[in-house]
Amino acid sequence: MAVVVNSGCLRGVDGVVVRVEVDLFRRLPRVVVVGLAANSVRESSERVRSAISASGFDFPRMCVTINLAPANVRKEGTALDLPIALGVLTASQQIPKEALEKTIFVGELGLDGSLRAVVGPLCLAVLARETGFRRLVLPRGCGGAASRVPGLEVLEARSLKEVVHFLRGGFELARPTLEPSCSTLPPGDFSEVVGQSQAKRALEIAAAGGHNIVLCGPPGVGKTMLASRIPSILPDLSEAEALEVTRIHSAAGLRSLGAGLMVNRPFRSPHQTVSRAGLLGGASLKPGELSLSHHGVLFLDEVPEFPRSTLELLRGPLEEREVVLSRASGHVRFPASSMLVATANPCPCGFFGHPIRPCVCTDAQRQRYNSRLSGPFLDRMDLWVAIASPEEGCLGAGDREERSSEIRTRVNKARAAQSQRFECTPFRTNAEVRGVPLNECIRLEKSAHRIIEHANTRFSLTGRGRDRILRVARTIADLKGASVVCRSDLAEALSFRTAMRGWA
C-alpha cells in the first residue's frame, strides 16, 4: 500500500501542495519517479539513496515507485528530497505512518544525510497554514520568517537522522530563533539636497499616496540624488505588508538564512539593459523587478534610455497592480503594487531649455528622443516635475533644509488617514483606489468641481488622467489633514499633471 508524505513546491510566489506517494514492489531494484518531475527532482533518487545509507538506515532492495501528485503541475527544485526519503523509510516500515499526519516536510539532502536550505520557506509556510496543516519541518536556519506565520508550528532539523528520530518519538526538533526586526533608514537625507523645493514637495506627495512620478531636468540638477532619498521618507511596512514583501523576496531567493520579516520598503533600481523577463518575471516563474518592488519603489533612472518595448510592458501591471504570466502550464500571478519613480533628460544632450548652456540637438533628434515614452505610458504617471537648472535651484542655499524625518512624519499621518479610509477595502493608498470607492472618497468643494471640468475640456484629459488628478488631490488634502478636497488641492495636482504636456 502506498505511503503519502506531504510537501510543497513553488509556483511563482505561491506554493502548491505536493503529495509524495511511495510504494514498494518485489521486482528488480530500481527507483522510478513519475508526476511531471524536472531533472533536479529526478536526480533526487541518488541523493536520497546515499543520504539514507549514510544516516544508518536501510534502503529497500526493491522497485521503489514515487509519484508526485498532482501530476499536471511541474515540480522543480530540490525541496522534495526530504519527503521522498521519509516516504521510502515509511514504506519500508522504518517510520510509523501516523507520525506524518498534518505535517509538511521540505528540504534538500546532502549525500551525508545533512539538510540544506531551500528557496521560499515563507511561501511554503503560508501554503501550510492556508491548506490546514499544523506543522512545517524545514532545514536548520530556514524558519526565521516562516515562524512569523500565525497558527503554524515551524520546526528545524540539521539532518535526515534528526527528522527520523523525531518521527519515532525519541527526539525534539529545534524551533527557529527569531531575529529582531529593526527599521534601518537608508543613507542619505533630504536635508542634503539644496533648494529644489518643488521637487521635494512632489516627492512628498508621491510618497504619501504611492503615486508614480517623473523627474525631468538637465544633468547635474539632482534628479538621481532626490530619487535615491525617497526611502528615507516612506513609512515602515505593516505586519501584513511585511509578510507579502518578504514572501516575494523569499521566492526569488534573495533572503539570507535566519532573516526575519522585512521592515523597510524595497527600493529596486534595474539597469537600462534589464530584459523583459528581468523586469516582469520569466520562464523560471521567478518574480521580476516590478514585483520585487511591491509596496515599495521601482526606480528607472534615465527612463528614455530603456527600450520602448520594455516600457510598454509596464502599462498593464501599473494599472492592474499585478503581473500575470501566461505559460503552457497555466497562469502565474505576481503582486506588483509599487510606486514608479523615473528620471529623464529633456533631450539627448540634456540641455534643452537651459538658461546658459545651449542645446546641440536638432528638432528631429528631440522628437525621436521624446517618442521613446508613449502617450499611454505617460498617461499612467501621476506627477511630472520639471527640475530647474543648478543656477535657479540653488537660490535658497542659505536657508535651512528640511530633514527627511520631518517629511516622514507628515507622510505617516497621510498614510494613516488612508488606512482608516480604506479599512474595509482591498486598497491601502490613494494611488490604488478605483471604481466606486474612488468616487466616495473624493469629496470636492463646489468651486473645485468647476476646475476639474474646465481642465477636462481645455487639456482633453482621458478618463484615466482625470482619476489620477483626483487621487493626487486627495493625497494633498490628506497631507493637510483635510476631509474635503478644496480648490487649491486640485489646482496643485493639476499643475503637476499638465507639466508633462511640454515633453512632446
Protein backbone atom coordinates (compact mmCIF):
# COMPACT_ATOMS: atom_id res chain seq x y z
CA MET A 1 0.00 0.00 0.00
CA ALA A 2 1.35 3.43 -0.98
CA VAL A 3 2.60 5.80 1.71
CA VAL A 4 1.84 9.54 1.41
CA VAL A 5 4.17 12.30 2.65
CA ASN A 6 3.04 15.90 2.25
CA SER A 7 5.39 18.52 0.86
CA GLY A 8 5.23 21.61 -1.31
CA CYS A 9 6.85 23.37 -4.24
CA LEU A 10 6.85 26.93 -5.50
CA ARG A 11 4.84 28.22 -8.42
CA GLY A 12 5.57 31.90 -8.69
CA VAL A 13 5.25 33.34 -5.18
CA ASP A 14 2.57 30.83 -4.20
CA GLY A 15 3.07 27.30 -3.01
CA VAL A 16 1.48 24.11 -4.27
CA VAL A 17 0.91 21.11 -2.01
CA VAL A 18 2.70 18.06 -3.38
CA ARG A 19 1.67 14.58 -2.22
CA VAL A 20 4.73 12.32 -2.39
CA GLU A 21 3.34 8.79 -2.82
CA VAL A 22 5.83 5.95 -2.37
CA ASP A 23 5.17 2.26 -2.97
CA LEU A 24 7.47 -0.79 -3.00
CA PHE A 25 7.24 -3.74 -5.40
CA ARG A 26 9.11 -7.05 -5.42
CA ARG A 27 10.87 -6.51 -8.72
CA LEU A 28 14.35 -5.65 -9.86
CA PRO A 29 15.76 -2.95 -7.54
CA ARG A 30 15.40 0.50 -9.08
CA VAL A 31 13.80 3.89 -8.41
CA VAL A 32 11.04 5.26 -10.68
CA VAL A 33 9.91 8.89 -10.31
CA VAL A 34 6.70 9.96 -12.07
CA GLY A 35 4.45 13.00 -11.83
CA LEU A 36 5.93 15.67 -14.15
CA ALA A 37 9.22 15.98 -12.28
CA ALA A 38 12.03 18.24 -13.52
CA ASN A 39 15.58 16.91 -13.84
CA SER A 40 16.56 18.30 -10.45
CA VAL A 41 13.76 16.23 -8.88
CA ARG A 42 14.55 13.06 -10.83
CA GLU A 43 18.17 13.28 -9.67
CA SER A 44 16.97 13.21 -6.06
CA SER A 45 16.79 9.40 -6.13
CA GLU A 46 20.58 9.16 -5.95
CA ARG A 47 20.83 11.78 -3.21
CA VAL A 48 18.10 10.02 -1.23
CA ARG A 49 19.74 6.60 -1.58
CA SER A 50 23.10 7.90 -0.36
CA ALA A 51 21.58 10.00 2.45
CA ILE A 52 19.56 7.06 3.81
CA SER A 53 22.59 4.78 3.85
CA ALA A 54 24.87 7.44 5.37
CA SER A 55 22.31 8.07 8.14
CA GLY A 56 22.37 4.43 9.20
CA PHE A 57 19.05 3.31 7.72
CA ASP A 58 18.29 0.62 5.13
CA PHE A 59 17.36 1.46 1.57
CA PRO A 60 14.94 -1.25 0.36
CA ARG A 61 16.24 -3.65 -2.31
CA MET A 62 13.01 -3.44 -4.25
CA CYS A 63 11.43 -1.43 -7.03
CA VAL A 64 10.64 1.96 -5.47
CA THR A 65 7.90 3.87 -7.31
CA ILE A 66 7.50 7.55 -6.41
CA ASN A 67 4.52 9.56 -7.66
CA LEU A 68 4.40 13.32 -7.22
CA ALA A 69 0.79 14.49 -7.20
CA PRO A 70 -0.82 16.49 -8.69
CA ALA A 71 0.71 15.06 -11.83
CA ASN A 72 -0.27 18.06 -14.01
CA VAL A 73 1.95 20.53 -12.09
CA ARG A 74 5.64 20.63 -12.92
CA LYS A 75 7.86 20.11 -9.87
CA GLU A 76 11.23 21.87 -9.80
CA GLY A 77 13.97 22.36 -7.24
CA THR A 78 15.41 20.15 -4.53
CA ALA A 79 12.89 20.73 -1.73
CA LEU A 80 11.30 17.28 -2.28
CA ASP A 81 14.42 15.32 -1.22
CA LEU A 82 13.38 15.06 2.43
CA PRO A 83 9.76 13.93 1.86
CA ILE A 84 10.91 11.36 -0.71
CA ALA A 85 13.41 9.93 1.79
CA LEU A 86 10.75 9.84 4.53
CA GLY A 87 8.34 8.14 2.14
CA VAL A 88 10.88 5.41 1.35
CA LEU A 89 11.62 4.84 5.05
CA THR A 90 7.91 4.78 5.93
CA ALA A 91 7.06 2.39 3.11
CA SER A 92 9.79 0.05 4.38
CA GLN A 93 8.29 0.30 7.90
CA GLN A 94 11.21 2.17 9.46
CA ILE A 95 8.97 5.13 10.43
CA PRO A 96 5.39 4.95 11.82
CA LYS A 97 2.88 6.16 9.24
CA GLU A 98 0.80 8.05 11.83
CA ALA A 99 3.69 10.43 12.61
CA LEU A 100 3.46 12.01 9.14
CA GLU A 101 -0.07 13.39 9.52
CA LYS A 102 -0.82 17.14 9.29
CA THR A 103 2.83 17.93 8.57
CA ILE A 104 4.63 19.32 5.55
CA PHE A 105 8.28 18.32 5.09
CA VAL A 106 10.68 20.34 2.95
CA GLY A 107 14.43 20.09 2.49
CA GLU A 108 17.37 19.25 0.24
CA LEU A 109 19.53 16.29 1.23
CA GLY A 110 23.29 16.06 1.06
CA LEU A 111 24.98 12.73 0.38
CA ASP A 112 25.87 12.52 4.07
CA GLY A 113 22.24 12.94 5.14
CA SER A 114 22.52 16.61 6.12
CA LEU A 115 19.72 19.01 5.29
CA ARG A 116 20.39 22.09 3.19
CA ALA A 117 18.43 25.31 2.76
CA VAL A 118 15.60 25.64 0.26
CA VAL A 119 14.13 28.61 -1.61
CA GLY A 120 10.86 30.18 -0.46
CA PRO A 121 10.33 28.83 3.10
CA LEU A 122 7.93 31.67 3.91
CA CYS A 123 5.82 30.88 0.82
CA LEU A 124 5.61 27.25 1.95
CA ALA A 125 4.67 28.31 5.48
CA VAL A 126 1.78 30.40 4.14
CA LEU A 127 0.75 27.42 1.99
CA ALA A 128 0.78 25.09 5.01
CA ARG A 129 -1.43 27.42 7.04
CA GLU A 130 -3.90 28.04 4.21
CA THR A 131 -4.30 24.32 3.46
CA GLY A 132 -4.94 23.27 7.05
CA PHE A 133 -1.61 21.74 8.07
CA ARG A 134 -0.47 22.21 11.64
CA ARG A 135 3.29 21.72 11.32
CA LEU A 136 6.14 22.53 8.92
CA VAL A 137 9.59 20.90 9.11
CA LEU A 138 12.42 22.84 7.45
CA PRO A 139 16.22 22.66 7.32
CA ARG A 140 18.06 24.49 10.10
CA GLY A 141 18.21 28.24 9.52
CA CYS A 142 15.21 28.48 7.15
CA GLY A 143 12.44 29.02 9.68
CA GLY A 144 13.10 32.61 10.81
CA ALA A 145 10.47 34.36 8.70
CA ALA A 146 8.28 31.23 8.37
CA SER A 147 7.77 31.15 12.14
CA ARG A 148 6.01 34.52 11.92
CA VAL A 149 3.05 32.90 10.15
CA PRO A 150 0.31 32.57 12.81
CA GLY A 151 -1.34 29.24 13.58
CA LEU A 152 1.56 27.09 12.34
CA GLU A 153 4.24 25.17 14.25
CA VAL A 154 7.61 25.52 12.50
CA LEU A 155 10.46 23.12 13.34
CA GLU A 156 14.03 22.94 12.08
CA ALA A 157 16.34 19.95 11.60
CA ARG A 158 20.00 19.55 10.72
CA SER A 159 19.82 16.12 9.14
CA LEU A 160 17.62 13.28 7.98
CA LYS A 161 18.58 11.32 11.10
CA GLU A 162 17.12 14.04 13.37
CA VAL A 163 13.82 14.04 11.47
CA VAL A 164 13.54 10.24 11.64
CA HIS A 165 14.25 10.18 15.39
CA PHE A 166 11.68 12.96 15.86
CA LEU A 167 9.02 10.96 13.99
CA ARG A 168 9.86 7.89 16.06
CA GLY A 169 9.22 9.91 19.22
CA GLY A 170 12.70 9.94 20.68
CA PHE A 171 13.92 13.41 19.72
CA GLU A 172 12.68 17.00 19.80
CA LEU A 173 13.40 19.23 16.83
CA ALA A 174 14.58 22.78 17.43
CA ARG A 175 12.36 25.78 16.96
CA PRO A 176 13.65 28.66 14.82
CA THR A 177 15.21 31.62 16.54
CA LEU A 178 13.55 34.91 15.68
CA GLU A 179 15.85 37.69 14.62
CA PRO A 180 14.58 41.06 15.83
CA SER A 181 13.05 43.11 13.05
CA CYS A 182 14.50 46.60 13.14
CA SER A 183 13.96 49.56 10.87
CA THR A 184 17.15 50.79 9.24
CA LEU A 185 16.71 54.00 7.33
CA PRO A 186 18.81 54.16 4.16
CA PRO A 187 21.77 56.53 3.93
CA GLY A 188 21.04 59.95 2.53
CA ASP A 189 18.73 62.68 3.79
CA PHE A 190 16.62 65.30 2.02
CA SER A 191 18.42 68.00 4.01
CA GLU A 192 21.49 67.27 1.88
CA VAL A 193 19.65 68.46 -1.25
CA VAL A 194 19.93 72.23 -1.52
CA GLY A 195 16.94 74.01 -2.98
CA GLN A 196 14.59 72.11 -5.33
CA SER A 197 11.58 72.83 -3.11
CA GLN A 198 9.07 71.98 -5.84
CA ALA A 199 10.68 68.58 -6.48
CA LYS A 200 10.75 67.83 -2.75
CA ARG A 201 7.09 68.77 -2.48
CA ALA A 202 6.19 66.48 -5.39
CA LEU A 203 8.16 63.59 -3.88
CA GLU A 204 6.41 64.10 -0.54
CA ILE A 205 3.02 63.90 -2.28
CA ALA A 206 4.12 60.81 -4.24
CA ALA A 207 5.37 59.06 -1.09
CA ALA A 208 2.23 59.94 0.86
CA GLY A 209 -0.13 58.47 -1.73
CA GLY A 210 2.06 55.92 -3.54
CA HIS A 211 1.84 57.87 -6.82
CA ASN A 212 4.02 57.45 -9.92
CA ILE A 213 6.34 60.39 -10.58
CA VAL A 214 8.78 61.56 -13.27
CA LEU A 215 11.64 63.99 -12.55
CA CYS A 216 12.76 65.78 -15.71
CA GLY A 217 15.71 68.15 -15.95
CA PRO A 218 19.24 68.68 -17.28
CA PRO A 219 22.25 66.72 -15.96
CA GLY A 220 23.53 67.72 -12.54
CA VAL A 221 20.33 69.16 -11.05
CA GLY A 222 19.98 66.28 -8.57
CA LYS A 223 17.32 64.04 -10.12
CA THR A 224 19.00 60.78 -9.06
CA MET A 225 20.02 62.26 -5.72
CA LEU A 226 16.42 63.17 -4.95
CA ALA A 227 15.03 59.80 -6.09
CA SER A 228 17.55 57.82 -4.03
CA ARG A 229 16.34 59.58 -0.88
CA ILE A 230 12.70 58.58 -1.27
CA PRO A 231 13.08 55.51 1.03
CA SER A 232 14.04 57.88 3.86
CA ILE A 233 10.52 59.40 3.88
CA LEU A 234 8.50 56.23 3.31
CA PRO A 235 6.75 54.60 6.30
CA ASP A 236 7.79 51.17 7.52
CA LEU A 237 5.91 48.13 6.28
CA SER A 238 2.91 47.00 8.28
CA GLU A 239 2.79 43.39 9.51
CA ALA A 240 0.58 42.28 6.60
CA GLU A 241 2.70 44.17 4.05
CA ALA A 242 5.90 42.74 5.52
CA LEU A 243 4.59 39.20 5.06
CA GLU A 244 3.72 39.90 1.41
CA VAL A 245 7.03 41.57 0.56
CA THR A 246 9.17 39.01 2.39
CA ARG A 247 7.31 36.18 0.67
CA ILE A 248 8.14 37.63 -2.76
CA HIS A 249 11.82 38.10 -1.91
CA SER A 250 11.90 34.64 -0.37
CA ALA A 251 10.52 33.11 -3.59
CA ALA A 252 13.22 34.94 -5.53
CA GLY A 253 15.92 33.52 -3.25
CA LEU A 254 17.00 36.97 -2.00
CA ARG A 255 16.57 36.34 1.73
CA SER A 256 19.53 35.10 3.78
CA LEU A 257 19.27 32.20 6.23
CA GLY A 258 17.65 33.12 9.51
CA ALA A 259 16.45 36.51 8.24
CA GLY A 260 13.14 37.65 9.66
CA LEU A 261 10.46 39.75 8.03
CA MET A 262 11.43 42.81 6.02
CA VAL A 263 10.68 46.13 7.70
CA ASN A 264 11.79 48.78 5.22
CA ARG A 265 10.05 49.18 1.90
CA PRO A 266 12.02 47.77 -1.07
CA PHE A 267 13.81 50.12 -3.46
CA ARG A 268 14.69 48.45 -6.76
CA SER A 269 16.76 50.18 -9.44
CA PRO A 270 17.25 47.98 -12.54
CA HIS A 271 19.72 49.00 -15.25
CA GLN A 272 18.58 50.13 -18.70
CA THR A 273 19.72 46.77 -20.11
CA VAL A 274 17.23 44.82 -18.00
CA SER A 275 15.37 42.20 -20.02
CA ARG A 276 11.62 41.81 -20.17
CA ALA A 277 11.86 38.69 -18.05
CA GLY A 278 14.06 40.50 -15.54
CA LEU A 279 11.54 43.32 -15.24
CA LEU A 280 8.29 41.34 -15.09
CA GLY A 281 9.34 37.74 -14.41
CA GLY A 282 10.25 35.00 -16.85
CA ALA A 283 10.15 31.35 -17.82
CA SER A 284 11.61 30.29 -14.47
CA LEU A 285 8.46 31.76 -12.86
CA LYS A 286 10.50 33.92 -10.51
CA PRO A 287 9.34 37.46 -9.74
CA GLY A 288 10.87 40.32 -11.71
CA GLU A 289 11.98 43.77 -10.58
CA LEU A 290 8.45 45.18 -10.63
CA SER A 291 7.18 42.52 -8.22
CA LEU A 292 10.31 42.77 -6.06
CA SER A 293 9.42 46.43 -5.55
CA HIS A 294 5.91 45.53 -4.29
CA HIS A 295 4.81 48.04 -1.60
CA GLY A 296 8.00 49.96 -2.36
CA VAL A 297 9.70 51.89 -5.15
CA LEU A 298 10.72 50.90 -8.68
CA PHE A 299 13.29 53.46 -9.79
CA LEU A 300 14.03 53.80 -13.52
CA ASP A 301 16.96 56.17 -13.94
CA GLU A 302 17.07 57.86 -17.36
CA VAL A 303 13.84 56.16 -18.38
CA PRO A 304 14.00 57.16 -22.10
CA GLU A 305 17.14 55.00 -22.39
CA PHE A 306 15.11 51.87 -21.62
CA PRO A 307 13.83 50.02 -24.71
CA ARG A 308 10.38 51.28 -25.58
CA SER A 309 9.07 47.74 -25.95
CA THR A 310 10.15 47.02 -22.37
CA LEU A 311 8.46 50.15 -21.02
CA GLU A 312 5.24 49.33 -22.87
CA LEU A 313 5.04 46.05 -20.93
CA LEU A 314 4.65 48.09 -17.75
CA ARG A 315 1.39 49.69 -18.84
CA GLY A 316 -0.92 46.86 -17.79
CA PRO A 317 0.83 45.99 -14.49
CA LEU A 318 1.00 49.65 -13.45
CA GLU A 319 -2.77 49.90 -13.88
CA GLU A 320 -3.81 46.50 -12.52
CA ARG A 321 -1.03 46.36 -9.89
CA GLU A 322 -0.18 42.75 -10.67
CA VAL A 323 1.81 40.82 -13.26
CA VAL A 324 0.12 37.88 -14.99
CA LEU A 325 2.40 35.45 -16.83
CA SER A 326 0.71 33.01 -19.18
CA ARG A 327 2.54 29.79 -19.88
CA ALA A 328 1.58 26.48 -21.45
CA SER A 329 1.20 25.01 -17.98
CA GLY A 330 -1.13 27.77 -16.77
CA HIS A 331 -1.14 31.30 -15.35
CA VAL A 332 1.03 32.74 -12.61
CA ARG A 333 0.22 35.98 -10.81
CA PHE A 334 2.77 38.22 -9.10
CA PRO A 335 1.65 41.16 -6.93
CA ALA A 336 3.10 44.44 -8.24
CA SER A 337 1.65 47.37 -6.32
CA SER A 338 4.68 49.63 -6.43
CA MET A 339 5.43 53.30 -6.84
CA LEU A 340 7.23 54.08 -10.10
CA VAL A 341 9.87 56.81 -9.89
CA ALA A 342 11.60 57.79 -13.14
CA THR A 343 14.09 60.42 -14.23
CA ALA A 344 14.61 61.85 -17.70
CA ASN A 345 16.63 64.46 -19.55
CA PRO A 346 14.68 66.94 -21.71
CA CYS A 347 16.66 65.94 -24.82
CA PRO A 348 19.57 63.65 -25.86
CA CYS A 349 22.24 66.17 -24.81
CA GLY A 350 20.21 67.11 -21.73
CA PHE A 351 20.37 70.91 -22.02
CA PHE A 352 17.23 71.83 -23.94
CA GLY A 353 15.86 74.99 -22.34
CA HIS A 354 18.97 75.54 -20.18
CA PRO A 355 19.47 79.28 -19.50
CA ILE A 356 23.25 79.19 -20.00
CA ARG A 357 24.37 76.08 -21.82
CA PRO A 358 22.83 75.78 -25.30
CA CYS A 359 21.24 72.58 -26.60
CA VAL A 360 23.05 70.97 -29.55
CA CYS A 361 20.22 68.60 -30.55
CA THR A 362 18.19 69.03 -33.70
CA ASP A 363 14.40 69.09 -33.66
CA ALA A 364 14.34 65.62 -35.22
CA GLN A 365 16.65 64.26 -32.51
CA ARG A 366 14.50 65.73 -29.75
CA GLN A 367 11.36 64.35 -31.35
CA ARG A 368 12.83 60.85 -31.60
CA TYR A 369 14.02 61.06 -28.00
CA ASN A 370 10.64 62.18 -26.71
CA SER A 371 8.83 59.48 -28.69
CA ARG A 372 10.55 56.80 -26.62
CA LEU A 373 7.89 57.42 -23.97
CA SER A 374 4.50 56.73 -25.48
CA GLY A 375 1.33 58.63 -24.65
CA PRO A 376 -0.31 55.65 -22.88
CA PHE A 377 2.81 55.21 -20.72
CA LEU A 378 2.88 58.89 -19.77
CA ASP A 379 -0.84 58.73 -19.03
CA ARG A 380 -0.02 56.38 -16.16
CA MET A 381 2.26 58.94 -14.49
CA ASP A 382 0.62 60.96 -11.71
CA LEU A 383 3.17 63.72 -11.26
CA TRP A 384 5.67 65.29 -13.66
CA VAL A 385 8.26 67.66 -12.22
CA ALA A 386 10.45 69.90 -14.36
CA ILE A 387 13.52 70.43 -12.18
CA ALA A 388 15.29 73.76 -12.51
CA SER A 389 18.92 74.19 -13.50
CA PRO A 390 21.52 74.48 -10.71
CA GLU A 391 21.65 78.26 -11.07
CA GLU A 392 17.93 78.52 -10.38
CA GLY A 393 17.69 75.62 -7.93
CA CYS A 394 20.35 76.87 -5.51
CA LEU A 395 18.81 80.28 -4.80
CA GLY A 396 17.80 79.16 -1.29
CA ALA A 397 21.19 77.70 -0.40
CA GLY A 398 21.38 79.80 2.79
CA ASP A 399 18.09 78.52 4.18
CA ARG A 400 17.74 75.53 6.47
CA GLU A 401 16.75 72.42 4.50
CA GLU A 402 14.02 70.21 5.91
CA ARG A 403 15.17 66.82 7.16
CA SER A 404 13.72 63.52 5.95
CA SER A 405 12.41 62.74 9.44
CA GLU A 406 10.17 65.83 9.34
CA ILE A 407 8.79 64.93 5.91
CA ARG A 408 8.36 61.32 7.01
CA THR A 409 6.16 62.42 9.92
CA ARG A 410 3.72 64.10 7.54
CA VAL A 411 3.80 61.12 5.17
CA ASN A 412 2.99 58.75 8.06
CA LYS A 413 -0.01 60.87 9.07
CA ALA A 414 -1.31 60.89 5.50
CA ARG A 415 -0.84 57.12 5.18
CA ALA A 416 -2.65 56.60 8.49
CA ALA A 417 -5.62 58.60 7.19
CA GLN A 418 -5.71 56.44 4.05
CA SER A 419 -5.51 53.21 6.08
CA GLN A 420 -8.51 54.32 8.10
CA ARG A 421 -10.42 55.35 4.98
CA PHE A 422 -9.81 52.08 3.13
CA GLU A 423 -10.06 49.81 6.18
CA CYS A 424 -12.84 47.66 4.70
CA THR A 425 -11.48 47.63 1.15
CA PRO A 426 -8.55 45.86 -0.57
CA PHE A 427 -6.84 49.24 -1.13
CA ARG A 428 -4.09 50.73 1.02
CA THR A 429 -3.21 54.04 -0.63
CA ASN A 430 -4.91 56.69 -2.73
CA ALA A 431 -2.95 55.59 -5.79
CA GLU A 432 -4.55 52.13 -5.65
CA VAL A 433 -8.19 53.13 -5.20
CA ARG A 434 -10.51 52.96 -8.18
CA GLY A 435 -14.13 52.33 -9.12
CA VAL A 436 -16.89 53.22 -6.68
CA PRO A 437 -14.55 53.76 -3.66
CA LEU A 438 -12.75 56.49 -5.65
CA ASN A 439 -15.97 58.47 -6.11
CA GLU A 440 -16.84 58.02 -2.44
CA CYS A 441 -13.51 59.20 -1.01
CA ILE A 442 -13.09 62.21 -3.35
CA ARG A 443 -15.28 64.88 -1.77
CA LEU A 444 -14.81 68.08 -3.79
CA GLU A 445 -15.78 71.62 -2.94
CA LYS A 446 -18.22 73.22 -5.36
CA SER A 447 -15.52 75.52 -6.78
CA ALA A 448 -13.22 72.52 -7.26
CA HIS A 449 -15.82 70.86 -9.49
CA ARG A 450 -15.58 73.77 -11.92
CA ILE A 451 -11.78 73.47 -12.06
CA ILE A 452 -11.75 69.81 -13.00
CA GLU A 453 -14.46 70.30 -15.62
CA HIS A 454 -12.59 73.25 -17.15
CA ALA A 455 -9.33 71.24 -17.17
CA ASN A 456 -11.10 68.29 -18.75
CA THR A 457 -12.18 70.50 -21.66
CA ARG A 458 -9.01 72.54 -22.06
CA PHE A 459 -6.45 69.72 -21.79
CA SER A 460 -8.57 66.90 -23.26
CA LEU A 461 -7.93 64.66 -20.25
CA THR A 462 -8.51 60.96 -20.55
CA GLY A 463 -10.70 59.21 -18.01
CA ARG A 464 -7.57 57.69 -16.50
CA GLY A 465 -5.85 61.08 -16.36
CA ARG A 466 -8.84 62.69 -14.64
CA ASP A 467 -8.95 59.96 -11.99
CA ARG A 468 -5.22 60.30 -11.34
CA ILE A 469 -5.56 64.04 -10.81
CA LEU A 470 -8.32 63.40 -8.28
CA ARG A 471 -6.19 60.80 -6.46
CA VAL A 472 -3.25 63.21 -6.18
CA ALA A 473 -5.58 65.97 -4.96
CA ARG A 474 -6.94 63.61 -2.31
CA THR A 475 -3.36 62.92 -1.14
CA ILE A 476 -2.60 66.66 -0.94
CA ALA A 477 -5.69 67.07 1.24
CA ASP A 478 -4.54 64.16 3.44
CA LEU A 479 -1.18 65.86 3.98
CA LYS A 480 -3.10 68.87 5.33
CA GLY A 481 -5.40 66.69 7.40
CA ALA A 482 -8.46 67.90 5.48
CA SER A 483 -11.51 65.74 4.83
CA VAL A 484 -12.63 67.70 1.74
CA VAL A 485 -10.58 68.34 -1.41
CA CYS A 486 -10.52 72.08 -1.93
CA ARG A 487 -9.81 74.27 -4.92
CA SER A 488 -6.09 74.73 -4.12
CA ASP A 489 -5.53 70.97 -3.72
CA LEU A 490 -6.97 70.27 -7.13
CA ALA A 491 -5.07 73.15 -8.74
CA GLU A 492 -1.75 71.85 -7.36
CA ALA A 493 -2.48 68.32 -8.57
CA LEU A 494 -3.42 69.67 -11.99
CA SER A 495 -0.18 71.66 -12.23
CA PHE A 496 1.91 68.52 -11.77
CA ARG A 497 -0.18 66.65 -14.31
CA THR A 498 -0.14 69.27 -17.07
CA ALA A 499 3.63 69.84 -16.80
CA MET A 500 4.23 66.73 -18.90
CA ARG A 501 2.48 68.31 -21.88
CA GLY A 502 5.74 70.04 -22.79
CA TRP A 503 7.53 66.68 -23.15
CA ALA A 504 6.30 66.01 -26.67
